[in-house]
Amino acid sequence: MKPCYIYSAVSISAQHTFDSGLGLLEPLALQPNKVNAHHPLYKSYIPPAALRRMATGVKMGVTAGKKALENANIIQPDAIVIGTGMGCIEDTETFLNAIIKNDEAYLTPTAFIQSTHNTVGAQIALGLQCKAYNNTYVHGALSFESALLDGLLQVEDDSASTVLVGGLDELGKEFIDYIDLIEDKNEGITVPFSEGASFFVLGAIKQQHAVQLKAIKTFSALTLENVRSVFMAFLKENACPPETIDALILGHNGSKYDHYYTEAASCFPKTTVQLKYKQCIGEYFTASAFGLYLGVTLLKNQDLPSLLTCGDTPKKPLKISIIYNQYNGRDHSLILLSL
């Protein structure tokens, strides 16, 4: 099978990452418990007439996707694959509120049509006039990883030369309060709930500054006792002993399940750099897409943001990194990158 490379990575998040990358990171305040993304100037990427009809998630996805393609010098991808946990929740809320307000009568279908999870992929394809493979995955906290795995397999088995892959979620206005009530109170999540969109262009040909996407592994359930054996098997399968891993990117959110990350970190020597990112971008179903953006950017730029690093940061070249994420003890994922 062909190797798979990441040509470009773009992220809209609660930080200024879309315009400034990792250069202006700031810690998020723990209150309020919801933080919106820092939105770029969307009209630079989307015609105003179309922009007015788009929900936040669609704006983020279309804009991040366009910039990722531009950065990779790709006009038409061979496939578009999206992962989202909540989809266009704003339009879903609008439609449900209209049902209640109008007593299930005299409803306009617009909000319902625009509320489907595959709206983002469809809007990107319409803007590009792209008739290639287009798929959306809605797998909870593994939504992005499912999309990324699809893109990886398409490149590896020669089904596509270039694939646009993205992960996104929007906050919405009301439903997130129920998520907050359930997850925050019961699981002890301390980082704010947020939103964002991170997009990547995958390809089969090695280019200058491209980062290789070597492997992805996911588990819907994993006990704490099995974390070490799973990591060691993953490393062995990809011929990467623990001492060869330069950076370990972890998805701590302050919950009682952060001990999974502590157990994972114990598999590696102290020289392995550890980074935590959710205190800067918040928590949402596809937050791991930002973790991949962070991993790709670190390997490309060789610049460690001090705000995200834990403990000492040995001054050595970064060549191989692992992104590990889990959500409240379930939906575990491991992503391996290398230069």
C-alpha atoms as a PDB file:
ATOM      1  CA  MET A   1       0.000   0.000   0.000  1.00  0.00           C
ATOM      2  CA  LYS A   2       1.052   3.566  -0.610  1.00  0.00           C
ATOM      3  CA  PRO A   3       2.181   5.766   2.287  1.00  0.00           C
ATOM      4  CA  CYS A   4      -0.077   8.680   3.238  1.00  0.00           C
ATOM      5  CA  TYR A   5       1.132  12.254   3.826  1.00  0.00           C
ATOM      6  CA  ILE A   6      -0.507  15.342   5.293  1.00  0.00           C
ATOM      7  CA  TYR A   7       0.142  18.287   2.993  1.00  0.00           C
ATOM      8  CA  SER A   8      -1.625  21.017   4.936  1.00  0.00           C
ATOM      9  CA  ALA A   9      -3.403  21.579   8.247  1.00  0.00           C
ATOM     10  CA  VAL A  10      -5.791  24.430   9.095  1.00  0.00           C
ATOM     11  CA  SER A  11      -7.728  25.023  12.291  1.00  0.00           C
ATOM     12  CA  ILE A  12     -10.466  27.375  13.457  1.00  0.00           C
ATOM     13  CA  SER A  13     -10.591  27.167  17.237  1.00  0.00           C
ATOM     14  CA  ALA A  14     -11.058  29.201  20.397  1.00  0.00           C
ATOM     15  CA  GLN A  15      -7.552  30.544  19.672  1.00  0.00           C
ATOM     16  CA  HIS A  16      -6.273  32.678  16.764  1.00  0.00           C
ATOM     17  CA  THR A  17      -5.012  29.543  15.013  1.00  0.00           C
ATOM     18  CA  PHE A  18      -6.609  30.225  11.629  1.00  0.00           C
ATOM     19  CA  ASP A  19      -4.517  33.354  11.045  1.00  0.00           C
ATOM     20  CA  SER A  20      -1.643  32.996  13.508  1.00  0.00           C
ATOM     21  CA  GLY A  21      -1.120  29.258  13.984  1.00  0.00           C
ATOM     22  CA  LEU A  22       0.216  28.405  17.426  1.00  0.00           C
ATOM     23  CA  GLY A  23       1.907  31.776  17.903  1.00  0.00           C
ATOM     24  CA  LEU A  24      -0.741  33.528  20.017  1.00  0.00           C
ATOM     25  CA  LEU A  25      -2.015  30.809  22.344  1.00  0.00           C
ATOM     26  CA  GLU A  26      -3.633  31.919  25.595  1.00  0.00           C
ATOM     27  CA  PRO A  27      -5.189  29.862  28.413  1.00  0.00           C
ATOM     28  CA  LEU A  28      -8.984  29.790  28.377  1.00  0.00           C
ATOM     29  CA  ALA A  29     -10.827  31.074  31.427  1.00  0.00           C
ATOM     30  CA  LEU A  30     -12.661  28.238  33.172  1.00  0.00           C
ATOM     31  CA  GLN A  31     -15.756  30.447  33.427  1.00  0.00           C
ATOM     32  CA  PRO A  32     -17.968  30.800  31.522  1.00  0.00           C
ATOM     33  CA  ASN A  33     -18.193  27.082  30.801  1.00  0.00           C
ATOM     34  CA  LYS A  34     -18.833  27.665  27.087  1.00  0.00           C
ATOM     35  CA  VAL A  35     -16.381  29.359  24.725  1.00  0.00           C
ATOM     36  CA  ASN A  36     -17.026  30.233  21.092  1.00  0.00           C
ATOM     37  CA  ALA A  37     -14.438  29.823  18.372  1.00  0.00           C
ATOM     38  CA  HIS A  38     -12.403  32.800  17.265  1.00  0.00           C
ATOM     39  CA  HIS A  39     -14.043  33.283  13.875  1.00  0.00           C
ATOM     40  CA  PRO A  40     -12.027  34.549  10.903  1.00  0.00           C
ATOM     41  CA  LEU A  41     -13.328  36.917   8.229  1.00  0.00           C
ATOM     42  CA  TYR A  42     -15.617  34.452   6.469  1.00  0.00           C
ATOM     43  CA  LYS A  43     -16.559  36.769   3.603  1.00  0.00           C
ATOM     44  CA  SER A  44     -13.007  36.392   2.299  1.00  0.00           C
ATOM     45  CA  TYR A  45     -13.827  32.743   1.564  1.00  0.00           C
ATOM     46  CA  ILE A  46     -17.617  32.588   1.148  1.00  0.00           C
ATOM     47  CA  PRO A  47     -19.829  34.800  -1.054  1.00  0.00           C
ATOM     48  CA  PRO A  48     -21.988  37.105   1.142  1.00  0.00           C
ATOM     49  CA  ALA A  49     -25.283  35.806  -0.292  1.00  0.00           C
ATOM     50  CA  ALA A  50     -24.389  32.245   0.707  1.00  0.00           C
ATOM     51  CA  LEU A  51     -22.798  33.309   3.986  1.00  0.00           C
ATOM     52  CA  ARG A  52     -26.076  34.724   5.339  1.00  0.00           C
ATOM     53  CA  ARG A  53     -27.757  31.325   5.115  1.00  0.00           C
ATOM     54  CA  MET A  54     -24.976  29.332   6.749  1.00  0.00           C
ATOM     55  CA  ALA A  55     -24.867  28.165  10.344  1.00  0.00           C
ATOM     56  CA  THR A  56     -21.652  28.529  12.329  1.00  0.00           C
ATOM     57  CA  GLY A  57     -20.443  24.984  11.684  1.00  0.00           C
ATOM     58  CA  VAL A  58     -20.929  25.304   7.939  1.00  0.00           C
ATOM     59  CA  LYS A  59     -19.040  28.608   7.866  1.00  0.00           C
ATOM     60  CA  MET A  60     -16.157  27.102   9.819  1.00  0.00           C
ATOM     61  CA  GLY A  61     -16.012  23.928   7.730  1.00  0.00           C
ATOM     62  CA  VAL A  62     -16.217  25.589   4.317  1.00  0.00           C
ATOM     63  CA  THR A  63     -13.619  28.223   5.241  1.00  0.00           C
ATOM     64  CA  ALA A  64     -11.149  25.830   6.878  1.00  0.00           C
ATOM     65  CA  GLY A  65     -11.563  23.362   4.013  1.00  0.00           C
ATOM     66  CA  LYS A  66     -10.927  26.021   1.363  1.00  0.00           C
ATOM     67  CA  LYS A  67      -7.815  27.292   3.119  1.00  0.00           C
ATOM     68  CA  ALA A  68      -6.453  23.764   3.574  1.00  0.00           C
ATOM     69  CA  LEU A  69      -6.840  23.127  -0.161  1.00  0.00           C
ATOM     70  CA  GLU A  70      -5.234  26.477  -0.986  1.00  0.00           C
ATOM     71  CA  ASN A  71      -2.265  25.777   1.279  1.00  0.00           C
ATOM     72  CA  ALA A  72      -1.787  22.405  -0.402  1.00  0.00           C
ATOM     73  CA  ASN A  73      -2.169  23.917  -3.905  1.00  0.00           C
ATOM     74  CA  ILE A  74      -5.052  21.544  -4.640  1.00  0.00           C
ATOM     75  CA  ILE A  75      -8.023  22.733  -6.723  1.00  0.00           C
ATOM     76  CA  GLN A  76     -10.141  19.566  -6.689  1.00  0.00           C
ATOM     77  CA  PRO A  77      -9.668  16.782  -4.135  1.00  0.00           C
ATOM     78  CA  ASP A  78     -10.460  13.205  -5.117  1.00  0.00           C
ATOM     79  CA  ALA A  79     -12.570  12.784  -1.971  1.00  0.00           C
ATOM     80  CA  ILE A  80     -14.104  14.846   0.837  1.00  0.00           C
ATOM     81  CA  VAL A  81     -14.536  13.160   4.220  1.00  0.00           C
ATOM     82  CA  ILE A  82     -15.971  14.918   7.282  1.00  0.00           C
ATOM     83  CA  GLY A  83     -16.326  13.888  10.913  1.00  0.00           C
ATOM     84  CA  THR A  84     -18.750  15.625  13.288  1.00  0.00           C
ATOM     85  CA  GLY A  85     -20.297  14.697  16.594  1.00  0.00           C
ATOM     86  CA  MET A  86     -23.198  17.146  16.650  1.00  0.00           C
ATOM     87  CA  GLY A  87     -23.509  18.299  13.042  1.00  0.00           C
ATOM     88  CA  CYS A  88     -25.398  21.550  12.412  1.00  0.00           C
ATOM     89  CA  ILE A  89     -26.975  21.717  15.854  1.00  0.00           C
ATOM     90  CA  GLU A  90     -27.950  25.402  15.468  1.00  0.00           C
ATOM     91  CA  ASP A  91     -30.368  24.646  12.635  1.00  0.00           C
ATOM     92  CA  THR A  92     -31.610  21.565  14.487  1.00  0.00           C
ATOM     93  CA  GLU A  93     -32.476  23.768  17.463  1.00  0.00           C
ATOM     94  CA  THR A  94     -34.182  26.285  15.179  1.00  0.00           C
ATOM     95  CA  PHE A  95     -36.355  23.588  13.621  1.00  0.00           C
ATOM     96  CA  LEU A  96     -37.275  21.961  16.944  1.00  0.00           C
ATOM     97  CA  ASN A  97     -38.172  25.331  18.466  1.00  0.00           C
ATOM     98  CA  ALA A  98     -40.375  26.052  15.446  1.00  0.00           C
ATOM     99  CA  ILE A  99     -42.180  22.734  16.001  1.00  0.00           C
ATOM    100  CA  ILE A 100     -42.938  23.721  19.585  1.00  0.00           C
ATOM    101  CA  LYS A 101     -43.855  27.327  18.821  1.00  0.00           C
ATOM    102  CA  ASN A 102     -46.164  26.485  15.908  1.00  0.00           C
ATOM    103  CA  ASP A 103     -47.700  23.401  17.507  1.00  0.00           C
ATOM    104  CA  GLU A 104     -46.257  21.199  14.747  1.00  0.00           C
ATOM    105  CA  ALA A 105     -48.001  23.181  11.999  1.00  0.00           C
ATOM    106  CA  TYR A 106     -47.000  25.662   9.275  1.00  0.00           C
ATOM    107  CA  LEU A 107     -43.347  24.629   9.352  1.00  0.00           C
ATOM    108  CA  THR A 108     -40.825  25.732   6.738  1.00  0.00           C
ATOM    109  CA  PRO A 109     -38.359  22.978   5.818  1.00  0.00           C
ATOM    110  CA  THR A 110     -35.283  25.197   5.410  1.00  0.00           C
ATOM    111  CA  ALA A 111     -33.821  24.742   8.897  1.00  0.00           C
ATOM    112  CA  PHE A 112     -34.492  20.994   8.757  1.00  0.00           C
ATOM    113  CA  ILE A 113     -32.760  20.657   5.384  1.00  0.00           C
ATOM    114  CA  GLN A 114     -29.752  22.620   6.607  1.00  0.00           C
ATOM    115  CA  SER A 115     -29.550  20.733   9.908  1.00  0.00           C
ATOM    116  CA  THR A 116     -28.324  17.419   8.487  1.00  0.00           C
ATOM    117  CA  HIS A 117     -24.840  16.316   9.509  1.00  0.00           C
ATOM    118  CA  ASN A 118     -23.582  16.070   5.920  1.00  0.00           C
ATOM    119  CA  THR A 119     -24.397  19.719   5.159  1.00  0.00           C
ATOM    120  CA  VAL A 120     -20.759  20.792   5.544  1.00  0.00           C
ATOM    121  CA  GLY A 121     -19.385  18.217   3.124  1.00  0.00           C
ATOM    122  CA  ALA A 122     -22.161  19.061   0.671  1.00  0.00           C
ATOM    123  CA  GLN A 123     -21.486  22.804   0.836  1.00  0.00           C
ATOM    124  CA  ILE A 124     -17.762  22.287   0.275  1.00  0.00           C
ATOM    125  CA  ALA A 125     -18.497  20.091  -2.744  1.00  0.00           C
ATOM    126  CA  LEU A 126     -21.007  22.596  -4.154  1.00  0.00           C
ATOM    127  CA  GLY A 127     -18.505  25.423  -3.815  1.00  0.00           C
ATOM    128  CA  LEU A 128     -15.815  23.412  -5.587  1.00  0.00           C
ATOM    129  CA  GLN A 129     -18.218  21.760  -8.051  1.00  0.00           C
ATOM    130  CA  CYS A 130     -16.645  18.527  -6.844  1.00  0.00           C
ATOM    131  CA  LYS A 131     -18.536  15.342  -7.748  1.00  0.00           C
ATOM    132  CA  ALA A 132     -16.061  12.966  -6.099  1.00  0.00           C
ATOM    133  CA  TYR A 133     -16.597  10.630  -3.132  1.00  0.00           C
ATOM    134  CA  ASN A 134     -18.172  12.570  -0.251  1.00  0.00           C
ATOM    135  CA  ASN A 135     -18.895  11.034   3.153  1.00  0.00           C
ATOM    136  CA  THR A 136     -19.657  12.186   6.708  1.00  0.00           C
ATOM    137  CA  TYR A 137     -19.047  10.189   9.886  1.00  0.00           C
ATOM    138  CA  VAL A 138     -21.044  10.711  13.084  1.00  0.00           C
ATOM    139  CA  HIS A 139     -19.392   8.421  15.624  1.00  0.00           C
ATOM    140  CA  GLY A 140     -19.398  10.472  18.831  1.00  0.00           C
ATOM    141  CA  ALA A 141     -15.867  11.296  19.994  1.00  0.00           C
ATOM    142  CA  LEU A 142     -14.477   9.027  17.253  1.00  0.00           C
ATOM    143  CA  SER A 143     -16.175  10.942  14.438  1.00  0.00           C
ATOM    144  CA  PHE A 144     -13.008  12.662  13.257  1.00  0.00           C
ATOM    145  CA  GLU A 145     -10.869   9.545  13.601  1.00  0.00           C
ATOM    146  CA  SER A 146     -13.369   7.607  11.480  1.00  0.00           C
ATOM    147  CA  ALA A 147     -13.130  10.239   8.750  1.00  0.00           C
ATOM    148  CA  LEU A 148      -9.338  10.307   8.987  1.00  0.00           C
ATOM    149  CA  LEU A 149      -9.135   6.519   8.768  1.00  0.00           C
ATOM    150  CA  ASP A 150     -11.358   6.597   5.669  1.00  0.00           C
ATOM    151  CA  GLY A 151      -9.044   9.162   4.067  1.00  0.00           C
ATOM    152  CA  LEU A 152      -5.940   7.171   5.011  1.00  0.00           C
ATOM    153  CA  LEU A 153      -7.317   3.951   3.500  1.00  0.00           C
ATOM    154  CA  GLN A 154      -8.333   5.705   0.285  1.00  0.00           C
ATOM    155  CA  VAL A 155      -4.815   7.013  -0.207  1.00  0.00           C
ATOM    156  CA  GLU A 156      -3.151   3.734   0.810  1.00  0.00           C
ATOM    157  CA  ASP A 157      -5.179   1.550  -1.562  1.00  0.00           C
ATOM    158  CA  ASP A 158      -4.875   4.067  -4.432  1.00  0.00           C
ATOM    159  CA  SER A 159      -8.581   4.988  -4.517  1.00  0.00           C
ATOM    160  CA  ALA A 160      -7.683   8.698  -4.268  1.00  0.00           C
ATOM    161  CA  SER A 161      -4.561  10.800  -4.806  1.00  0.00           C
ATOM    162  CA  THR A 162      -5.701  13.661  -2.568  1.00  0.00           C
ATOM    163  CA  VAL A 163      -8.357  13.681   0.149  1.00  0.00           C
ATOM    164  CA  LEU A 164      -9.794  16.613   2.115  1.00  0.00           C
ATOM    165  CA  VAL A 165     -10.487  15.445   5.675  1.00  0.00           C
ATOM    166  CA  GLY A 166     -12.048  17.562   8.405  1.00  0.00           C
ATOM    167  CA  GLY A 167     -13.451  17.419  11.904  1.00  0.00           C
ATOM    168  CA  LEU A 168     -15.857  20.051  13.195  1.00  0.00           C
ATOM    169  CA  ASP A 169     -18.507  20.819  15.770  1.00  0.00           C
ATOM    170  CA  GLU A 170     -20.448  23.945  16.673  1.00  0.00           C
ATOM    171  CA  LEU A 171     -21.693  24.903  20.130  1.00  0.00           C
ATOM    172  CA  GLY A 172     -25.273  25.750  19.313  1.00  0.00           C
ATOM    173  CA  LYS A 173     -27.328  27.730  21.793  1.00  0.00           C
ATOM    174  CA  GLU A 174     -29.401  25.307  23.869  1.00  0.00           C
ATOM    175  CA  PHE A 175     -28.511  21.630  23.470  1.00  0.00           C
ATOM    176  CA  ILE A 176     -24.994  22.219  24.758  1.00  0.00           C
ATOM    177  CA  ASP A 177     -26.539  23.131  28.126  1.00  0.00           C
ATOM    178  CA  TYR A 178     -27.869  19.584  28.416  1.00  0.00           C
ATOM    179  CA  ILE A 179     -24.463  18.168  27.472  1.00  0.00           C
ATOM    180  CA  ASP A 180     -22.894  20.429  30.070  1.00  0.00           C
ATOM    181  CA  LEU A 181     -25.402  19.333  32.691  1.00  0.00           C
ATOM    182  CA  ILE A 182     -24.744  15.643  32.040  1.00  0.00           C
ATOM    183  CA  GLU A 183     -21.019  15.530  31.291  1.00  0.00           C
ATOM    184  CA  ASP A 184     -19.618  18.351  33.410  1.00  0.00           C
ATOM    185  CA  LYS A 185     -21.518  17.609  36.603  1.00  0.00           C
ATOM    186  CA  ASN A 186     -21.174  13.826  36.421  1.00  0.00           C
ATOM    187  CA  GLU A 187     -17.663  13.478  35.044  1.00  0.00           C
ATOM    188  CA  GLY A 188     -15.971  16.591  36.469  1.00  0.00           C
ATOM    189  CA  ILE A 189     -14.853  18.169  33.178  1.00  0.00           C
ATOM    190  CA  THR A 190     -13.122  21.449  34.018  1.00  0.00           C
ATOM    191  CA  VAL A 191     -12.245  22.845  30.583  1.00  0.00           C
ATOM    192  CA  PRO A 192     -14.991  24.856  28.845  1.00  0.00           C
ATOM    193  CA  PHE A 193     -17.127  23.284  26.127  1.00  0.00           C
ATOM    194  CA  SER A 194     -16.262  24.846  22.812  1.00  0.00           C
ATOM    195  CA  GLU A 195     -16.354  24.481  19.031  1.00  0.00           C
ATOM    196  CA  GLY A 196     -13.963  24.370  16.116  1.00  0.00           C
ATOM    197  CA  ALA A 197     -13.043  23.015  12.701  1.00  0.00           C
ATOM    198  CA  SER A 198      -9.716  21.473  11.684  1.00  0.00           C
ATOM    199  CA  PHE A 199      -9.102  20.380   8.095  1.00  0.00           C
ATOM    200  CA  PHE A 200      -6.289  18.490   6.396  1.00  0.00           C
ATOM    201  CA  VAL A 201      -5.276  17.527   2.881  1.00  0.00           C
ATOM    202  CA  LEU A 202      -3.948  13.981   2.567  1.00  0.00           C
ATOM    203  CA  GLY A 203      -1.969  12.736  -0.399  1.00  0.00           C
ATOM    204  CA  ALA A 204       0.073   9.818  -1.666  1.00  0.00           C
ATOM    205  CA  ILE A 205       3.153  11.674  -2.922  1.00  0.00           C
ATOM    206  CA  LYS A 206       5.791  12.848  -0.457  1.00  0.00           C
ATOM    207  CA  GLN A 207       6.267  16.602  -0.653  1.00  0.00           C
ATOM    208  CA  GLN A 208       8.634  18.969   1.088  1.00  0.00           C
ATOM    209  CA  HIS A 209       7.476  19.654   4.685  1.00  0.00           C
ATOM    210  CA  ALA A 210       4.764  16.989   4.433  1.00  0.00           C
ATOM    211  CA  VAL A 211       4.109  14.898   7.546  1.00  0.00           C
ATOM    212  CA  GLN A 212       3.445  11.175   7.174  1.00  0.00           C
ATOM    213  CA  LEU A 213       0.248   9.815   8.677  1.00  0.00           C
ATOM    214  CA  LYS A 214       1.561   6.381   9.638  1.00  0.00           C
ATOM    215  CA  ALA A 215      -1.266   4.764  11.583  1.00  0.00           C
ATOM    216  CA  ILE A 216      -4.608   5.192  13.363  1.00  0.00           C
ATOM    217  CA  LYS A 217      -6.065   2.901  16.003  1.00  0.00           C
ATOM    218  CA  THR A 218      -9.437   3.297  17.716  1.00  0.00           C
ATOM    219  CA  PHE A 219     -11.232   1.554  20.585  1.00  0.00           C
ATOM    220  CA  SER A 220     -14.826   2.202  21.608  1.00  0.00           C
ATOM    221  CA  ALA A 221     -14.004   0.839  25.072  1.00  0.00           C
ATOM    222  CA  LEU A 222     -10.701   0.324  26.859  1.00  0.00           C
ATOM    223  CA  THR A 223      -9.985  -0.446  30.504  1.00  0.00           C
ATOM    224  CA  LEU A 224      -7.294   1.422  32.371  1.00  0.00           C
ATOM    225  CA  GLU A 225      -5.480  -1.851  32.981  1.00  0.00           C
ATOM    226  CA  ASN A 226      -5.172  -2.423  29.217  1.00  0.00           C
ATOM    227  CA  VAL A 227      -3.797   0.992  28.259  1.00  0.00           C
ATOM    228  CA  ARG A 228      -0.143   0.004  28.566  1.00  0.00           C
ATOM    229  CA  SER A 229      -0.531  -3.218  26.569  1.00  0.00           C
ATOM    230  CA  VAL A 230      -2.505  -1.399  23.853  1.00  0.00           C
ATOM    231  CA  PHE A 231       0.160   1.292  23.522  1.00  0.00           C
ATOM    232  CA  MET A 232       3.014  -1.190  23.443  1.00  0.00           C
ATOM    233  CA  ALA A 233       1.237  -3.289  20.807  1.00  0.00           C
ATOM    234  CA  PHE A 234       0.568  -0.164  18.708  1.00  0.00           C
ATOM    235  CA  LEU A 235       4.227   0.858  18.905  1.00  0.00           C
ATOM    236  CA  LYS A 236       5.452  -2.634  18.073  1.00  0.00           C
ATOM    237  CA  GLU A 237       3.074  -2.916  15.130  1.00  0.00           C
ATOM    238  CA  ASN A 238       4.513   0.291  13.667  1.00  0.00           C
ATOM    239  CA  ALA A 239       8.166  -0.474  14.533  1.00  0.00           C
ATOM    240  CA  CYS A 240       8.431   2.496  16.892  1.00  0.00           C
ATOM    241  CA  PRO A 241       9.953   1.661  20.287  1.00  0.00           C
ATOM    242  CA  PRO A 242       8.868   4.041  23.116  1.00  0.00           C
ATOM    243  CA  GLU A 243      12.232   5.834  23.146  1.00  0.00           C
ATOM    244  CA  THR A 244      11.767   6.881  19.495  1.00  0.00           C
ATOM    245  CA  ILE A 245       8.612   8.883  20.236  1.00  0.00           C
ATOM    246  CA  ASP A 246       9.537  12.559  20.542  1.00  0.00           C
ATOM    247  CA  ALA A 247       6.143  14.047  21.464  1.00  0.00           C
ATOM    248  CA  LEU A 248       3.013  12.704  23.151  1.00  0.00           C
ATOM    249  CA  ILE A 249      -0.080  14.866  22.633  1.00  0.00           C
ATOM    250  CA  LEU A 250      -2.795  14.225  25.208  1.00  0.00           C
ATOM    251  CA  GLY A 251      -6.424  15.317  25.520  1.00  0.00           C
ATOM    252  CA  HIS A 252      -6.731  16.121  29.248  1.00  0.00           C
ATOM    253  CA  ASN A 253     -10.020  17.864  30.065  1.00  0.00           C
ATOM    254  CA  GLY A 254      -9.863  17.771  33.858  1.00  0.00           C
ATOM    255  CA  SER A 255     -12.339  14.916  34.225  1.00  0.00           C
ATOM    256  CA  LYS A 256     -11.945  11.878  36.456  1.00  0.00           C
ATOM    257  CA  TYR A 257     -10.848   9.941  33.363  1.00  0.00           C
ATOM    258  CA  ASP A 258      -7.601  11.870  32.904  1.00  0.00           C
ATOM    259  CA  HIS A 259      -5.829   8.974  34.620  1.00  0.00           C
ATOM    260  CA  TYR A 260      -5.928   7.237  31.222  1.00  0.00           C
ATOM    261  CA  TYR A 261      -3.443   9.846  30.012  1.00  0.00           C
ATOM    262  CA  THR A 262      -1.248   9.369  33.080  1.00  0.00           C
ATOM    263  CA  GLU A 263      -1.142   5.642  32.381  1.00  0.00           C
ATOM    264  CA  ALA A 264      -0.333   6.241  28.712  1.00  0.00           C
ATOM    265  CA  ALA A 265       2.477   8.655  29.574  1.00  0.00           C
ATOM    266  CA  SER A 266       4.067   6.053  31.839  1.00  0.00           C
ATOM    267  CA  CYS A 267       4.841   3.971  28.731  1.00  0.00           C
ATOM    268  CA  PHE A 268       7.413   6.516  27.562  1.00  0.00           C
ATOM    269  CA  PRO A 269      10.760   7.780  28.879  1.00  0.00           C
ATOM    270  CA  LYS A 270      11.057  11.199  30.511  1.00  0.00           C
ATOM    271  CA  THR A 271      12.711  12.577  27.385  1.00  0.00           C
ATOM    272  CA  THR A 272       9.372  12.300  25.529  1.00  0.00           C
ATOM    273  CA  VAL A 273       7.740  15.723  25.376  1.00  0.00           C
ATOM    274  CA  GLN A 274       4.164  15.763  26.694  1.00  0.00           C
ATOM    275  CA  LEU A 275       1.595  18.328  25.578  1.00  0.00           C
ATOM    276  CA  LYS A 276      -1.966  19.073  26.725  1.00  0.00           C
ATOM    277  CA  TYR A 277      -4.138  21.177  24.440  1.00  0.00           C
ATOM    278  CA  LYS A 278      -7.751  21.253  25.626  1.00  0.00           C
ATOM    279  CA  GLN A 279      -7.101  23.940  28.237  1.00  0.00           C
ATOM    280  CA  CYS A 280      -6.541  26.215  25.230  1.00  0.00           C
ATOM    281  CA  ILE A 281      -9.308  25.094  22.854  1.00  0.00           C
ATOM    282  CA  GLY A 282     -11.947  23.510  25.111  1.00  0.00           C
ATOM    283  CA  GLU A 283     -13.801  20.223  24.781  1.00  0.00           C
ATOM    284  CA  TYR A 284     -16.052  19.025  21.945  1.00  0.00           C
ATOM    285  CA  PHE A 285     -16.618  15.764  20.121  1.00  0.00           C
ATOM    286  CA  THR A 286     -14.021  16.425  17.416  1.00  0.00           C
ATOM    287  CA  ALA A 287     -11.444  18.233  19.577  1.00  0.00           C
ATOM    288  CA  SER A 288      -8.963  15.488  18.639  1.00  0.00           C
ATOM    289  CA  ALA A 289      -8.836  17.073  15.166  1.00  0.00           C
ATOM    290  CA  PHE A 290      -7.104  20.023  16.817  1.00  0.00           C
ATOM    291  CA  GLY A 291      -4.757  17.510  18.454  1.00  0.00           C
ATOM    292  CA  LEU A 292      -3.766  16.330  14.977  1.00  0.00           C
ATOM    293  CA  TYR A 293      -3.384  19.949  13.824  1.00  0.00           C
ATOM    294  CA  LEU A 294      -1.067  20.492  16.784  1.00  0.00           C
ATOM    295  CA  GLY A 295       0.925  17.351  15.970  1.00  0.00           C
ATOM    296  CA  VAL A 296       1.367  18.271  12.305  1.00  0.00           C
ATOM    297  CA  THR A 297       2.321  21.869  13.115  1.00  0.00           C
ATOM    298  CA  LEU A 298       4.889  20.793  15.718  1.00  0.00           C
ATOM    299  CA  LEU A 299       6.652  18.450  13.315  1.00  0.00           C
ATOM    300  CA  LYS A 300       6.597  20.991  10.492  1.00  0.00           C
ATOM    301  CA  ASN A 301       7.746  24.029  12.487  1.00  0.00           C
ATOM    302  CA  GLN A 302       9.755  22.360  15.277  1.00  0.00           C
ATOM    303  CA  ASP A 303       8.354  24.944  17.714  1.00  0.00           C
ATOM    304  CA  LEU A 304       6.965  23.801  21.074  1.00  0.00           C
ATOM    305  CA  PRO A 305       4.378  26.168  22.617  1.00  0.00           C
ATOM    306  CA  SER A 306       5.407  26.519  26.278  1.00  0.00           C
ATOM    307  CA  LEU A 307       1.757  26.914  27.313  1.00  0.00           C
ATOM    308  CA  LEU A 308       0.953  23.352  26.196  1.00  0.00           C
ATOM    309  CA  THR A 309       4.037  21.477  27.398  1.00  0.00           C
ATOM    310  CA  CYS A 310       4.182  19.514  30.647  1.00  0.00           C
ATOM    311  CA  GLY A 311       7.471  19.422  32.541  1.00  0.00           C
ATOM    312  CA  ASP A 312      10.846  19.726  30.838  1.00  0.00           C
ATOM    313  CA  THR A 313      11.112  20.163  27.073  1.00  0.00           C
ATOM    314  CA  PRO A 314      14.404  18.666  25.858  1.00  0.00           C
ATOM    315  CA  LYS A 315      15.897  20.555  22.957  1.00  0.00           C
ATOM    316  CA  LYS A 316      15.993  17.923  20.234  1.00  0.00           C
ATOM    317  CA  PRO A 317      14.432  17.576  16.786  1.00  0.00           C
ATOM    318  CA  LEU A 318      10.844  16.331  16.751  1.00  0.00           C
ATOM    319  CA  LYS A 319      10.437  13.502  14.254  1.00  0.00           C
ATOM    320  CA  ILE A 320       7.709  11.188  15.589  1.00  0.00           C
ATOM    321  CA  SER A 321       4.619  12.008  17.638  1.00  0.00           C
ATOM    322  CA  ILE A 322       1.503  10.261  18.943  1.00  0.00           C
ATOM    323  CA  ILE A 323      -1.880  11.880  19.571  1.00  0.00           C
ATOM    324  CA  TYR A 324      -3.972  10.083  22.190  1.00  0.00           C
ATOM    325  CA  ASN A 325      -7.549  11.069  22.979  1.00  0.00           C
ATOM    326  CA  GLN A 326     -10.453   9.571  24.906  1.00  0.00           C
ATOM    327  CA  TYR A 327     -13.775  10.959  26.050  1.00  0.00           C
ATOM    328  CA  ASN A 328     -14.989  10.075  29.533  1.00  0.00           C
ATOM    329  CA  GLY A 329     -13.356   6.660  29.469  1.00  0.00           C
ATOM    330  CA  ARG A 330     -14.625   5.656  26.043  1.00  0.00           C
ATOM    331  CA  ASP A 331     -13.871   6.347  22.344  1.00  0.00           C
ATOM    332  CA  HIS A 332     -10.083   6.001  22.556  1.00  0.00           C
ATOM    333  CA  SER A 333      -7.872   6.870  19.586  1.00  0.00           C
ATOM    334  CA  LEU A 334      -4.153   6.761  18.780  1.00  0.00           C
ATOM    335  CA  ILE A 335      -2.700   8.614  15.766  1.00  0.00           C
ATOM    336  CA  LEU A 336       0.959   8.193  14.766  1.00  0.00           C
ATOM    337  CA  LEU A 337       2.800  10.889  12.787  1.00  0.00           C
ATOM    338  CA  SER A 338       6.361  11.088  11.511  1.00  0.00           C
ATOM    339  CA  LEU A 339       8.544  13.283   9.344  1.00  0.00           C
END
